[in-house]
Amino acid sequence: MASYKGNAGVISVAGSGAVANVKSFSIDVSAATVETTTMGVTAATHLPTITSWTGSADVNWDPTDTDGQTALTPGGDPVVVKFQMTGVAAGETFYTGSAIVTDHNKSSSFDGLIEASITLKGSGALTTGTNA
């Protein structure tokens, strides 16, 4: 079984560029289901209906990152984001899709950096590809 390190991961915004100072990110794809159980059976049955996805990123806040962090502003038009878990080298897998930014929260403490958390809600399918 192969193991992969996440320290080469990159998030980028189409038309802008890579998001700076990323500490971590995640994507979650799920499928809704509809119950198809009928009378006379003793176990529930289901069928998948539609899929949806969300994404999030934690970054060290950088207000000068106009290509990445400030391009991910809540309430704007959907953005196309690309998640590259293992880096940008040829042959590496990526995930991409259109998303609406729903949250961009910042936090600060006396003994740490200013950090931001960005939350995305997919608008359409999340697709998988391979870097050329």
N, C-alpha and C. Protein backbone atom coordinates (compact mmCIF):
# COMPACT_ATOMS: atom_id res chain seq x y z
N MET A 1 0.84 -1.18 0.00
CA MET A 1 0.00 0.00 0.00
C MET A 1 0.88 1.23 0.00
N ALA A 2 0.58 2.16 -0.87
CA ALA A 2 1.36 3.39 -0.97
C ALA A 2 0.92 4.39 0.09
N SER A 3 1.85 5.23 0.49
CA SER A 3 1.57 6.33 1.42
C SER A 3 2.00 7.63 0.75
N TYR A 4 1.27 8.69 1.04
CA TYR A 4 1.55 9.97 0.42
C TYR A 4 1.69 11.05 1.47
N LYS A 5 2.65 11.97 1.25
CA LYS A 5 2.82 13.11 2.15
C LYS A 5 2.00 14.27 1.62
N GLY A 6 1.42 15.03 2.54
CA GLY A 6 0.57 16.15 2.14
C GLY A 6 1.29 17.49 2.07
N ASN A 7 2.57 17.53 2.37
CA ASN A 7 3.24 18.83 2.47
C ASN A 7 3.51 19.49 1.13
N ALA A 8 3.23 18.85 0.01
CA ALA A 8 3.42 19.45 -1.31
C ALA A 8 2.09 19.92 -1.91
N GLY A 9 1.01 19.86 -1.13
CA GLY A 9 -0.31 20.22 -1.63
C GLY A 9 -0.41 21.68 -2.03
N VAL A 10 -1.28 21.94 -3.01
CA VAL A 10 -1.49 23.29 -3.54
C VAL A 10 -2.98 23.48 -3.83
N ILE A 11 -3.49 24.66 -3.49
CA ILE A 11 -4.83 25.07 -3.93
C ILE A 11 -4.63 26.26 -4.85
N SER A 12 -5.30 26.25 -5.98
CA SER A 12 -5.22 27.40 -6.87
C SER A 12 -6.61 27.82 -7.31
N VAL A 13 -6.72 29.11 -7.67
CA VAL A 13 -7.96 29.69 -8.12
C VAL A 13 -7.78 30.04 -9.59
N ALA A 14 -8.66 29.51 -10.46
CA ALA A 14 -8.55 29.76 -11.90
C ALA A 14 -8.57 31.26 -12.17
N GLY A 15 -7.67 31.71 -13.02
CA GLY A 15 -7.60 33.12 -13.37
C GLY A 15 -6.84 33.95 -12.36
N SER A 16 -6.49 33.36 -11.22
CA SER A 16 -5.76 34.09 -10.19
C SER A 16 -4.41 33.44 -9.95
N GLY A 17 -4.40 32.34 -9.26
CA GLY A 17 -3.15 31.65 -8.98
C GLY A 17 -3.24 30.83 -7.71
N ALA A 18 -2.08 30.42 -7.23
CA ALA A 18 -2.02 29.58 -6.04
C ALA A 18 -2.36 30.40 -4.79
N VAL A 19 -3.03 29.76 -3.87
CA VAL A 19 -3.32 30.38 -2.57
C VAL A 19 -2.06 30.31 -1.73
N ALA A 20 -1.63 31.43 -1.17
CA ALA A 20 -0.39 31.49 -0.39
C ALA A 20 -0.59 30.99 1.03
N ASN A 21 0.47 30.49 1.61
CA ASN A 21 0.56 30.15 3.03
C ASN A 21 -0.46 29.12 3.50
N VAL A 22 -0.76 28.13 2.65
CA VAL A 22 -1.72 27.08 3.01
C VAL A 22 -1.09 26.17 4.06
N LYS A 23 -1.83 25.94 5.14
CA LYS A 23 -1.40 25.01 6.19
C LYS A 23 -2.04 23.65 6.01
N SER A 24 -3.32 23.65 5.63
CA SER A 24 -4.02 22.40 5.40
C SER A 24 -5.27 22.69 4.57
N PHE A 25 -5.77 21.65 3.90
CA PHE A 25 -7.03 21.78 3.20
C PHE A 25 -7.69 20.42 3.11
N SER A 26 -9.00 20.45 2.83
CA SER A 26 -9.74 19.20 2.71
C SER A 26 -10.87 19.37 1.70
N ILE A 27 -11.28 18.26 1.12
CA ILE A 27 -12.46 18.22 0.27
C ILE A 27 -13.31 17.05 0.73
N ASP A 28 -14.61 17.23 0.65
CA ASP A 28 -15.55 16.21 1.09
C ASP A 28 -16.62 16.06 0.01
N VAL A 29 -16.70 14.87 -0.57
CA VAL A 29 -17.70 14.58 -1.60
C VAL A 29 -18.71 13.62 -0.99
N SER A 30 -19.99 13.91 -1.19
CA SER A 30 -21.02 13.04 -0.64
C SER A 30 -22.12 12.81 -1.68
N ALA A 31 -22.91 11.78 -1.44
CA ALA A 31 -24.03 11.47 -2.33
C ALA A 31 -25.31 11.39 -1.52
N ALA A 32 -26.33 12.07 -1.99
CA ALA A 32 -27.65 11.96 -1.38
C ALA A 32 -28.27 10.64 -1.83
N THR A 33 -29.19 10.14 -1.05
CA THR A 33 -29.87 8.90 -1.41
C THR A 33 -31.37 9.05 -1.23
N VAL A 34 -32.10 8.19 -1.88
CA VAL A 34 -33.54 8.13 -1.72
C VAL A 34 -33.88 6.69 -1.31
N GLU A 35 -34.77 6.58 -0.36
CA GLU A 35 -35.15 5.24 0.10
C GLU A 35 -36.12 4.60 -0.88
N THR A 36 -35.88 3.34 -1.19
CA THR A 36 -36.72 2.60 -2.14
C THR A 36 -37.42 1.41 -1.48
N THR A 37 -37.38 1.36 -0.17
CA THR A 37 -37.97 0.25 0.57
C THR A 37 -39.48 0.20 0.35
N THR A 38 -39.99 -1.01 0.20
CA THR A 38 -41.44 -1.19 0.04
C THR A 38 -41.95 -2.15 1.11
N MET A 39 -43.23 -2.20 1.25
CA MET A 39 -43.84 -3.08 2.24
C MET A 39 -43.46 -4.53 2.00
N GLY A 40 -43.33 -5.26 3.08
CA GLY A 40 -43.06 -6.69 2.97
C GLY A 40 -41.60 -7.06 3.03
N VAL A 41 -40.69 -6.08 3.05
CA VAL A 41 -39.27 -6.40 3.16
C VAL A 41 -38.79 -6.05 4.56
N THR A 42 -37.69 -6.66 4.97
CA THR A 42 -37.20 -6.45 6.33
C THR A 42 -35.92 -5.63 6.41
N ALA A 43 -35.43 -5.18 5.27
CA ALA A 43 -34.23 -4.34 5.27
C ALA A 43 -34.43 -3.17 4.31
N ALA A 44 -33.99 -2.01 4.72
CA ALA A 44 -34.13 -0.81 3.89
C ALA A 44 -33.25 -0.90 2.65
N THR A 45 -33.76 -0.35 1.56
CA THR A 45 -32.97 -0.25 0.33
C THR A 45 -32.93 1.21 -0.10
N HIS A 46 -31.85 1.58 -0.79
CA HIS A 46 -31.65 2.98 -1.20
C HIS A 46 -31.02 3.05 -2.58
N LEU A 47 -31.20 4.18 -3.23
CA LEU A 47 -30.53 4.49 -4.49
C LEU A 47 -29.84 5.85 -4.35
N PRO A 48 -28.68 5.99 -4.96
CA PRO A 48 -28.03 7.32 -4.93
C PRO A 48 -28.77 8.27 -5.86
N THR A 49 -28.77 9.55 -5.50
CA THR A 49 -29.42 10.54 -6.36
C THR A 49 -28.38 11.55 -6.86
N ILE A 50 -28.07 12.57 -6.11
CA ILE A 50 -27.13 13.58 -6.56
C ILE A 50 -25.91 13.64 -5.63
N THR A 51 -24.81 14.09 -6.18
CA THR A 51 -23.61 14.27 -5.38
C THR A 51 -23.42 15.75 -5.08
N SER A 52 -22.66 16.03 -4.03
CA SER A 52 -22.31 17.40 -3.69
C SER A 52 -20.92 17.37 -3.06
N TRP A 53 -20.29 18.53 -2.97
CA TRP A 53 -18.97 18.58 -2.36
C TRP A 53 -18.76 19.91 -1.66
N THR A 54 -17.88 19.87 -0.69
CA THR A 54 -17.44 21.06 0.03
C THR A 54 -15.92 21.01 0.14
N GLY A 55 -15.34 22.14 0.38
CA GLY A 55 -13.90 22.22 0.58
C GLY A 55 -13.59 23.24 1.66
N SER A 56 -12.42 23.10 2.26
CA SER A 56 -11.99 24.08 3.25
C SER A 56 -10.48 24.17 3.23
N ALA A 57 -9.99 25.31 3.69
CA ALA A 57 -8.55 25.53 3.77
C ALA A 57 -8.24 26.36 4.99
N ASP A 58 -7.13 26.04 5.63
CA ASP A 58 -6.59 26.84 6.72
C ASP A 58 -5.28 27.42 6.24
N VAL A 59 -5.12 28.73 6.40
CA VAL A 59 -3.95 29.43 5.90
C VAL A 59 -3.41 30.39 6.95
N ASN A 60 -2.14 30.74 6.83
CA ASN A 60 -1.59 31.88 7.56
C ASN A 60 -2.00 33.10 6.75
N TRP A 61 -2.80 33.98 7.34
CA TRP A 61 -3.42 35.09 6.64
C TRP A 61 -2.39 35.99 5.98
N ASP A 62 -2.66 36.36 4.73
CA ASP A 62 -1.80 37.26 3.97
C ASP A 62 -2.69 38.17 3.12
N PRO A 63 -2.95 39.41 3.59
CA PRO A 63 -3.84 40.30 2.84
C PRO A 63 -3.26 40.74 1.50
N THR A 64 -1.97 40.49 1.25
CA THR A 64 -1.37 40.85 -0.04
C THR A 64 -1.52 39.74 -1.07
N ASP A 65 -2.07 38.59 -0.66
CA ASP A 65 -2.25 37.46 -1.57
C ASP A 65 -3.51 37.66 -2.40
N THR A 66 -3.46 38.61 -3.34
CA THR A 66 -4.63 38.90 -4.16
C THR A 66 -4.95 37.79 -5.15
N ASP A 67 -3.97 36.96 -5.49
CA ASP A 67 -4.22 35.85 -6.40
C ASP A 67 -4.94 34.70 -5.72
N GLY A 68 -4.83 34.59 -4.42
CA GLY A 68 -5.38 33.44 -3.74
C GLY A 68 -6.36 33.80 -2.63
N GLN A 69 -5.82 34.20 -1.49
CA GLN A 69 -6.67 34.40 -0.32
C GLN A 69 -7.75 35.46 -0.54
N THR A 70 -7.40 36.60 -1.08
CA THR A 70 -8.42 37.63 -1.26
C THR A 70 -9.34 37.34 -2.44
N ALA A 71 -8.95 36.44 -3.34
CA ALA A 71 -9.84 36.01 -4.42
C ALA A 71 -10.95 35.11 -3.89
N LEU A 72 -10.75 34.58 -2.68
CA LEU A 72 -11.73 33.68 -2.06
C LEU A 72 -12.55 34.46 -1.04
N THR A 73 -13.42 35.33 -1.56
CA THR A 73 -14.23 36.21 -0.73
C THR A 73 -15.69 35.75 -0.74
N PRO A 74 -16.32 35.63 0.42
CA PRO A 74 -17.72 35.20 0.46
C PRO A 74 -18.64 36.17 -0.28
N GLY A 75 -19.68 35.61 -0.86
CA GLY A 75 -20.70 36.43 -1.49
C GLY A 75 -20.42 36.79 -2.92
N GLY A 76 -19.29 36.42 -3.44
CA GLY A 76 -18.97 36.73 -4.83
C GLY A 76 -19.44 35.65 -5.78
N ASP A 77 -19.10 35.83 -7.03
CA ASP A 77 -19.41 34.83 -8.04
C ASP A 77 -18.65 33.53 -7.74
N PRO A 78 -19.16 32.40 -8.23
CA PRO A 78 -18.41 31.15 -8.04
C PRO A 78 -17.01 31.26 -8.64
N VAL A 79 -16.08 30.57 -8.02
CA VAL A 79 -14.70 30.51 -8.50
C VAL A 79 -14.38 29.06 -8.84
N VAL A 80 -13.48 28.85 -9.77
CA VAL A 80 -13.01 27.51 -10.09
C VAL A 80 -11.75 27.26 -9.27
N VAL A 81 -11.80 26.24 -8.42
CA VAL A 81 -10.66 25.92 -7.58
C VAL A 81 -10.08 24.57 -7.97
N LYS A 82 -8.79 24.43 -7.74
CA LYS A 82 -8.08 23.20 -8.06
C LYS A 82 -7.32 22.76 -6.82
N PHE A 83 -7.59 21.55 -6.37
CA PHE A 83 -6.94 20.98 -5.19
C PHE A 83 -5.91 19.96 -5.67
N GLN A 84 -4.66 20.16 -5.35
CA GLN A 84 -3.60 19.23 -5.74
C GLN A 84 -2.99 18.68 -4.45
N MET A 85 -3.41 17.51 -4.08
CA MET A 85 -3.04 16.92 -2.79
C MET A 85 -1.54 16.65 -2.67
N THR A 86 -0.93 16.18 -3.75
CA THR A 86 0.48 15.76 -3.66
C THR A 86 1.42 16.62 -4.49
N GLY A 87 0.94 17.75 -4.99
CA GLY A 87 1.81 18.66 -5.71
C GLY A 87 1.43 18.83 -7.16
N VAL A 88 2.28 19.58 -7.88
CA VAL A 88 1.96 19.99 -9.24
C VAL A 88 2.78 19.26 -10.31
N ALA A 89 3.57 18.28 -9.93
CA ALA A 89 4.40 17.56 -10.90
C ALA A 89 3.52 16.78 -11.88
N ALA A 90 4.07 16.50 -13.04
CA ALA A 90 3.37 15.70 -14.05
C ALA A 90 2.98 14.35 -13.45
N GLY A 91 1.78 13.93 -13.76
CA GLY A 91 1.29 12.64 -13.29
C GLY A 91 0.57 12.69 -11.95
N GLU A 92 0.63 13.83 -11.25
CA GLU A 92 -0.06 13.94 -9.95
C GLU A 92 -1.56 14.18 -10.17
N THR A 93 -2.37 13.61 -9.31
CA THR A 93 -3.82 13.74 -9.39
C THR A 93 -4.27 15.07 -8.82
N PHE A 94 -5.30 15.65 -9.43
CA PHE A 94 -5.90 16.87 -8.89
C PHE A 94 -7.41 16.75 -8.93
N TYR A 95 -8.08 17.61 -8.17
CA TYR A 95 -9.53 17.70 -8.13
C TYR A 95 -9.89 19.15 -8.41
N THR A 96 -10.89 19.38 -9.26
CA THR A 96 -11.25 20.75 -9.60
C THR A 96 -12.76 20.89 -9.75
N GLY A 97 -13.25 22.08 -9.44
CA GLY A 97 -14.66 22.35 -9.59
C GLY A 97 -14.98 23.80 -9.28
N SER A 98 -16.18 24.20 -9.65
CA SER A 98 -16.68 25.54 -9.37
C SER A 98 -17.26 25.55 -7.97
N ALA A 99 -16.98 26.62 -7.23
CA ALA A 99 -17.45 26.68 -5.84
C ALA A 99 -17.82 28.10 -5.45
N ILE A 100 -18.70 28.18 -4.48
CA ILE A 100 -19.07 29.45 -3.87
C ILE A 100 -18.35 29.52 -2.52
N VAL A 101 -17.71 30.63 -2.26
CA VAL A 101 -17.05 30.83 -0.96
C VAL A 101 -18.13 31.21 0.04
N THR A 102 -18.30 30.39 1.07
CA THR A 102 -19.35 30.66 2.06
C THR A 102 -18.83 31.31 3.32
N ASP A 103 -17.56 31.09 3.65
CA ASP A 103 -16.97 31.68 4.87
C ASP A 103 -15.51 31.98 4.62
N HIS A 104 -15.03 33.05 5.24
CA HIS A 104 -13.60 33.39 5.27
C HIS A 104 -13.36 34.04 6.63
N ASN A 105 -13.00 33.21 7.60
CA ASN A 105 -12.85 33.66 8.98
C ASN A 105 -11.39 33.87 9.33
N LYS A 106 -11.13 34.89 10.13
CA LYS A 106 -9.76 35.16 10.58
C LYS A 106 -9.72 35.08 12.10
N SER A 107 -8.57 34.62 12.61
CA SER A 107 -8.40 34.58 14.06
C SER A 107 -6.97 34.98 14.41
N SER A 108 -6.82 35.51 15.60
CA SER A 108 -5.51 35.99 16.05
C SER A 108 -5.37 35.71 17.53
N SER A 109 -4.13 35.44 17.95
CA SER A 109 -3.86 35.27 19.38
C SER A 109 -2.55 35.98 19.70
N PHE A 110 -2.33 36.25 20.97
CA PHE A 110 -1.14 36.99 21.38
C PHE A 110 0.15 36.23 21.10
N ASP A 111 0.09 34.92 21.00
CA ASP A 111 1.30 34.14 20.83
C ASP A 111 1.35 33.37 19.51
N GLY A 112 0.60 33.85 18.51
CA GLY A 112 0.58 33.12 17.25
C GLY A 112 0.40 34.03 16.06
N LEU A 113 0.33 33.42 14.91
CA LEU A 113 0.10 34.14 13.66
C LEU A 113 -1.39 34.39 13.47
N ILE A 114 -1.70 35.36 12.64
CA ILE A 114 -3.09 35.54 12.23
C ILE A 114 -3.38 34.44 11.21
N GLU A 115 -4.44 33.70 11.47
CA GLU A 115 -4.81 32.59 10.61
C GLU A 115 -6.18 32.84 10.01
N ALA A 116 -6.46 32.21 8.89
CA ALA A 116 -7.76 32.31 8.25
C ALA A 116 -8.24 30.92 7.87
N SER A 117 -9.54 30.74 7.94
CA SER A 117 -10.19 29.51 7.49
C SER A 117 -11.16 29.88 6.39
N ILE A 118 -11.08 29.17 5.28
CA ILE A 118 -11.91 29.45 4.11
C ILE A 118 -12.78 28.22 3.85
N THR A 119 -14.08 28.44 3.64
CA THR A 119 -15.00 27.33 3.37
C THR A 119 -15.66 27.53 2.02
N LEU A 120 -15.73 26.44 1.25
CA LEU A 120 -16.28 26.46 -0.10
C LEU A 120 -17.42 25.46 -0.21
N LYS A 121 -18.43 25.80 -1.01
CA LYS A 121 -19.52 24.87 -1.32
C LYS A 121 -19.55 24.69 -2.83
N GLY A 122 -19.38 23.45 -3.26
CA GLY A 122 -19.34 23.15 -4.68
C GLY A 122 -20.62 23.52 -5.40
N SER A 123 -20.48 23.99 -6.63
CA SER A 123 -21.62 24.30 -7.48
C SER A 123 -21.39 23.52 -8.78
N GLY A 124 -21.86 22.30 -8.80
CA GLY A 124 -21.59 21.38 -9.90
C GLY A 124 -20.66 20.28 -9.43
N ALA A 125 -20.22 19.48 -10.38
CA ALA A 125 -19.41 18.30 -10.05
C ALA A 125 -17.98 18.67 -9.71
N LEU A 126 -17.38 17.89 -8.85
CA LEU A 126 -15.94 17.95 -8.59
C LEU A 126 -15.32 16.89 -9.49
N THR A 127 -14.42 17.29 -10.36
CA THR A 127 -13.84 16.36 -11.30
C THR A 127 -12.41 16.03 -10.92
N THR A 128 -11.94 14.90 -11.39
CA THR A 128 -10.59 14.42 -11.11
C THR A 128 -9.80 14.43 -12.40
N GLY A 129 -8.52 14.83 -12.30
CA GLY A 129 -7.66 14.82 -13.46
C GLY A 129 -6.22 14.51 -13.05
N THR A 130 -5.33 14.53 -14.01
CA THR A 130 -3.92 14.27 -13.78
C THR A 130 -3.12 15.39 -14.41
N ASN A 131 -2.14 15.93 -13.67
CA ASN A 131 -1.29 16.98 -14.21
C ASN A 131 -0.53 16.47 -15.43
N ALA A 132 -0.47 17.31 -16.45
CA ALA A 132 0.25 16.97 -17.68
C ALA A 132 1.74 17.18 -17.49
